[in-house]
Protein backbone atom coordinates (compact mmCIF):
# COMPACT_ATOMS: atom_id res chain seq x y z
CA MET A 1 -229.28 27.87 -44.39
CA GLU A 2 -227.57 25.56 -46.84
CA ALA A 3 -227.15 26.58 -50.50
CA LYS A 4 -227.45 23.91 -53.19
CA THR A 5 -225.55 24.48 -56.40
CA LYS A 6 -226.17 22.92 -59.79
CA TYR A 7 -222.46 22.65 -60.65
CA ASP A 8 -219.26 21.88 -58.77
CA ILE A 9 -215.72 23.14 -59.27
CA LYS A 10 -214.10 21.42 -62.31
CA ASP A 11 -217.51 20.61 -63.89
CA ASN A 12 -217.76 21.28 -67.62
CA VAL A 13 -220.59 23.66 -68.54
CA TRP A 14 -221.98 25.13 -71.76
CA LEU A 15 -222.97 28.74 -72.36
CA VAL A 16 -223.40 31.30 -75.13
CA ASN A 17 -220.39 33.58 -75.58
CA GLU A 18 -220.23 36.04 -78.49
CA ASN A 19 -223.17 34.23 -80.18
CA LYS A 20 -221.39 30.85 -80.05
CA ALA A 21 -221.99 27.78 -77.91
CA VAL A 22 -218.81 27.25 -75.88
CA ARG A 23 -217.74 24.76 -73.25
CA MET A 24 -215.87 25.97 -70.19
CA PHE A 25 -215.22 24.60 -66.73
CA VAL A 26 -216.10 25.92 -63.32
CA THR A 27 -213.16 27.36 -61.39
CA GLY A 28 -215.09 28.89 -58.49
CA LEU A 29 -218.51 29.87 -57.25
CA VAL A 30 -220.11 32.71 -55.34
CA VAL A 31 -223.24 32.28 -53.24
CA THR A 32 -225.02 35.44 -52.11
CA PHE A 33 -227.79 35.15 -49.54
CA THR A 34 -230.40 37.78 -50.43
CA GLU A 35 -233.08 36.96 -47.82
CA PRO A 36 -233.43 34.40 -45.04
CA ASP A 37 -234.71 31.75 -47.47
CA SER A 38 -233.27 32.97 -50.77
CA TYR A 39 -229.88 33.02 -52.47
CA ASP A 40 -228.20 33.58 -55.84
CA VAL A 41 -225.44 31.42 -57.29
CA LYS A 42 -222.85 32.66 -59.79
CA TYR A 43 -219.87 30.82 -61.21
CA ASP A 44 -216.32 31.72 -62.15
CA LEU A 45 -215.25 29.99 -65.35
CA ASN A 46 -211.92 29.50 -67.08
CA TYR A 47 -211.26 32.23 -69.67
CA SER A 48 -213.97 34.44 -68.15
CA LEU A 49 -213.42 37.61 -66.16
CA CYS A 50 -216.95 37.84 -64.78
CA GLU A 51 -219.27 35.73 -62.67
CA ILE A 52 -221.94 33.90 -64.70
CA PRO A 53 -225.43 33.31 -63.19
CA GLU A 54 -226.44 29.68 -62.78
CA ASN A 55 -229.41 30.04 -65.14
CA LYS A 56 -227.05 30.90 -68.05
CA LEU A 57 -225.14 27.59 -67.77
CA PHE A 58 -226.05 24.14 -69.08
CA LYS A 59 -224.73 20.60 -68.56
CA THR A 60 -224.76 19.72 -72.26
CA LYS A 61 -224.63 21.48 -75.60
CA GLU A 62 -228.01 19.96 -76.42
CA GLU A 63 -229.61 21.51 -73.30
CA LEU A 64 -228.13 24.88 -74.26
CA LEU A 65 -229.47 24.70 -77.83
CA GLU A 66 -232.93 23.62 -76.61
CA SER A 67 -233.07 26.71 -74.38
CA LEU A 68 -232.63 29.11 -77.32
């Protein structure tokens, strides 16, 4: 099975961190296959010590603000 990711390494992404919209960049990614046809994608970001789920990241600040 092939996993498709929304972002690539070095892509800029937007997320909420400490109630602020912040821009970071992807430094790595983790794909976990949960069932034969299902998987989860999480990203490592600069200045972040944890893996962030794909659904918490946005391509633009505008997309992030629209999601709130």
